[in-house]
């Protein structure tokens, strides 16, 4: 393949950002820290939308670990309502971070 043809090729997904087979419409995060960082950004955008527009479409509430891809996703559902969620015992740190 020539050099000029390579630049038009679609980039291949690496393992950490491939789509999840269980929930292909959701973005996959490599670890919980990355997911929580994006969740904070969504919450900030939601607060900004509420101030300017009076409503928001950003309603993500928490992160969860997916058993389908061994990654993390964001969800707007309460704990235990997601089908492919890995349910673990909550630690005190989890309770403090969710508040």
C-alpha atoms as a PDB file:
ATOM      1  CA  UNK A   1       0.000   0.000   0.000  1.00  0.00           C
ATOM      2  CA  UNK A   2       1.346   3.423  -0.886  1.00  0.00           C
ATOM      3  CA  UNK A   3       1.947   6.180   1.665  1.00  0.00           C
ATOM      4  CA  UNK A   4      -0.814   8.333   0.229  1.00  0.00           C
ATOM      5  CA  UNK A   5      -3.322   5.469   0.491  1.00  0.00           C
ATOM      6  CA  UNK A   6      -2.432   4.804   4.157  1.00  0.00           C
ATOM      7  CA  UNK A   7      -3.515   8.267   5.228  1.00  0.00           C
ATOM      8  CA  UNK A   8      -7.052   7.570   3.962  1.00  0.00           C
ATOM      9  CA  UNK A   9      -7.316   4.287   5.864  1.00  0.00           C
ATOM     10  CA  UNK A  10      -9.672   4.183   8.832  1.00  0.00           C
ATOM     11  CA  UNK A  11      -7.656   4.026  12.063  1.00  0.00           C
ATOM     12  CA  UNK A  12      -7.856   0.694  13.856  1.00  0.00           C
ATOM     13  CA  UNK A  13      -9.175   0.672  17.395  1.00  0.00           C
ATOM     14  CA  UNK A  14      -6.752  -0.349  20.085  1.00  0.00           C
ATOM     15  CA  UNK A  15      -7.801  -2.819  22.743  1.00  0.00           C
ATOM     16  CA  UNK A  16      -8.557  -0.219  25.416  1.00  0.00           C
ATOM     17  CA  UNK A  17     -10.999   1.833  23.330  1.00  0.00           C
ATOM     18  CA  UNK A  18     -12.794  -0.853  21.349  1.00  0.00           C
ATOM     19  CA  UNK A  19     -16.565  -0.919  21.546  1.00  0.00           C
ATOM     20  CA  UNK A  20     -18.137  -3.216  24.084  1.00  0.00           C
ATOM     21  CA  UNK A  21     -19.912  -6.208  22.549  1.00  0.00           C
ATOM     22  CA  UNK A  22     -22.539  -6.189  25.321  1.00  0.00           C
ATOM     23  CA  UNK A  23     -23.368  -2.457  25.023  1.00  0.00           C
ATOM     24  CA  UNK A  24     -21.953  -1.197  21.701  1.00  0.00           C
ATOM     25  CA  UNK A  25     -23.648   2.207  21.960  1.00  0.00           C
ATOM     26  CA  UNK A  26     -21.734   3.116  25.133  1.00  0.00           C
ATOM     27  CA  UNK A  27     -18.198   4.446  25.312  1.00  0.00           C
ATOM     28  CA  UNK A  28     -15.730   2.093  26.970  1.00  0.00           C
ATOM     29  CA  UNK A  29     -13.334   3.505  29.556  1.00  0.00           C
ATOM     30  CA  UNK A  30     -10.063   1.793  30.371  1.00  0.00           C
ATOM     31  CA  UNK A  31     -10.334   2.210  34.146  1.00  0.00           C
ATOM     32  CA  UNK A  32     -12.627   3.621  36.785  1.00  0.00           C
ATOM     33  CA  UNK A  33     -10.538   6.762  37.197  1.00  0.00           C
ATOM     34  CA  UNK A  34     -10.931   7.675  33.520  1.00  0.00           C
ATOM     35  CA  UNK A  35     -14.684   7.046  33.708  1.00  0.00           C
ATOM     36  CA  UNK A  36     -15.074   9.175  36.850  1.00  0.00           C
ATOM     37  CA  UNK A  37     -13.126  12.002  35.212  1.00  0.00           C
ATOM     38  CA  UNK A  38     -15.554  11.992  32.285  1.00  0.00           C
ATOM     39  CA  UNK A  39     -18.511  11.755  34.685  1.00  0.00           C
ATOM     40  CA  UNK A  40     -17.324  14.970  36.391  1.00  0.00           C
ATOM     41  CA  UNK A  41     -17.153  16.638  32.978  1.00  0.00           C
ATOM     42  CA  UNK A  42     -20.705  15.518  32.171  1.00  0.00           C
ATOM     43  CA  UNK A  43     -21.959  16.852  35.502  1.00  0.00           C
ATOM     44  CA  UNK A  44     -20.281  20.198  34.854  1.00  0.00           C
ATOM     45  CA  UNK A  45     -21.907  20.384  31.404  1.00  0.00           C
ATOM     46  CA  UNK A  46     -25.271  19.481  32.942  1.00  0.00           C
ATOM     47  CA  UNK A  47     -24.954  22.293  35.489  1.00  0.00           C
ATOM     48  CA  UNK A  48     -24.003  24.727  32.722  1.00  0.00           C
ATOM     49  CA  UNK A  49     -26.981  23.638  30.584  1.00  0.00           C
ATOM     50  CA  UNK A  50     -29.351  24.051  33.513  1.00  0.00           C
ATOM     51  CA  UNK A  51     -28.106  27.598  34.042  1.00  0.00           C
ATOM     52  CA  UNK A  52     -28.287  28.632  30.398  1.00  0.00           C
ATOM     53  CA  UNK A  53     -31.136  26.571  28.889  1.00  0.00           C
ATOM     54  CA  UNK A  54     -33.121  25.509  31.933  1.00  0.00           C
ATOM     55  CA  UNK A  55     -32.847  21.799  31.064  1.00  0.00           C
ATOM     56  CA  UNK A  56     -30.155  19.238  30.367  1.00  0.00           C
ATOM     57  CA  UNK A  57     -29.713  16.009  28.434  1.00  0.00           C
ATOM     58  CA  UNK A  58     -26.660  14.945  30.468  1.00  0.00           C
ATOM     59  CA  UNK A  59     -28.105  12.637  33.100  1.00  0.00           C
ATOM     60  CA  UNK A  60     -25.244  10.230  33.830  1.00  0.00           C
ATOM     61  CA  UNK A  61     -25.236   9.344  37.515  1.00  0.00           C
ATOM     62  CA  UNK A  62     -22.405   6.900  38.074  1.00  0.00           C
ATOM     63  CA  UNK A  63     -19.795   4.569  36.609  1.00  0.00           C
ATOM     64  CA  UNK A  64     -19.924   0.789  36.541  1.00  0.00           C
ATOM     65  CA  UNK A  65     -17.670  -2.078  35.561  1.00  0.00           C
ATOM     66  CA  UNK A  66     -18.929  -4.084  32.583  1.00  0.00           C
ATOM     67  CA  UNK A  67     -18.603  -7.858  32.542  1.00  0.00           C
ATOM     68  CA  UNK A  68     -18.930  -7.899  28.754  1.00  0.00           C
ATOM     69  CA  UNK A  69     -15.716  -5.985  28.011  1.00  0.00           C
ATOM     70  CA  UNK A  70     -13.959  -5.745  31.407  1.00  0.00           C
ATOM     71  CA  UNK A  71     -14.042  -1.974  31.030  1.00  0.00           C
ATOM     72  CA  UNK A  72     -16.093   0.801  32.597  1.00  0.00           C
ATOM     73  CA  UNK A  73     -19.147   2.713  31.341  1.00  0.00           C
ATOM     74  CA  UNK A  74     -21.323   5.592  32.503  1.00  0.00           C
ATOM     75  CA  UNK A  75     -24.998   5.084  33.267  1.00  0.00           C
ATOM     76  CA  UNK A  76     -28.015   7.125  34.278  1.00  0.00           C
ATOM     77  CA  UNK A  77     -29.551   4.189  36.157  1.00  0.00           C
ATOM     78  CA  UNK A  78     -29.398   3.478  39.867  1.00  0.00           C
ATOM     79  CA  UNK A  79     -27.130   0.808  41.325  1.00  0.00           C
ATOM     80  CA  UNK A  80     -28.008  -2.748  40.304  1.00  0.00           C
ATOM     81  CA  UNK A  81     -30.220  -1.852  37.334  1.00  0.00           C
ATOM     82  CA  UNK A  82     -27.629  -2.368  34.570  1.00  0.00           C
ATOM     83  CA  UNK A  83     -27.666  -5.823  32.935  1.00  0.00           C
ATOM     84  CA  UNK A  84     -23.918  -6.418  32.473  1.00  0.00           C
ATOM     85  CA  UNK A  85     -22.794  -4.677  35.651  1.00  0.00           C
ATOM     86  CA  UNK A  86     -20.242  -6.370  37.871  1.00  0.00           C
ATOM     87  CA  UNK A  87     -21.733  -6.019  41.345  1.00  0.00           C
ATOM     88  CA  UNK A  88     -19.244  -5.839  44.196  1.00  0.00           C
ATOM     89  CA  UNK A  89     -19.465  -4.853  47.810  1.00  0.00           C
ATOM     90  CA  UNK A  90     -19.267  -1.106  48.298  1.00  0.00           C
ATOM     91  CA  UNK A  91     -16.385   0.260  50.297  1.00  0.00           C
ATOM     92  CA  UNK A  92     -16.495   3.362  52.462  1.00  0.00           C
ATOM     93  CA  UNK A  93     -14.464   5.195  49.811  1.00  0.00           C
ATOM     94  CA  UNK A  94     -17.098   4.356  47.162  1.00  0.00           C
ATOM     95  CA  UNK A  95     -19.829   5.761  49.383  1.00  0.00           C
ATOM     96  CA  UNK A  96     -17.867   8.950  49.993  1.00  0.00           C
ATOM     97  CA  UNK A  97     -17.113   9.426  46.269  1.00  0.00           C
ATOM     98  CA  UNK A  98     -20.745   8.872  45.258  1.00  0.00           C
ATOM     99  CA  UNK A  99     -22.014  11.587  47.593  1.00  0.00           C
END
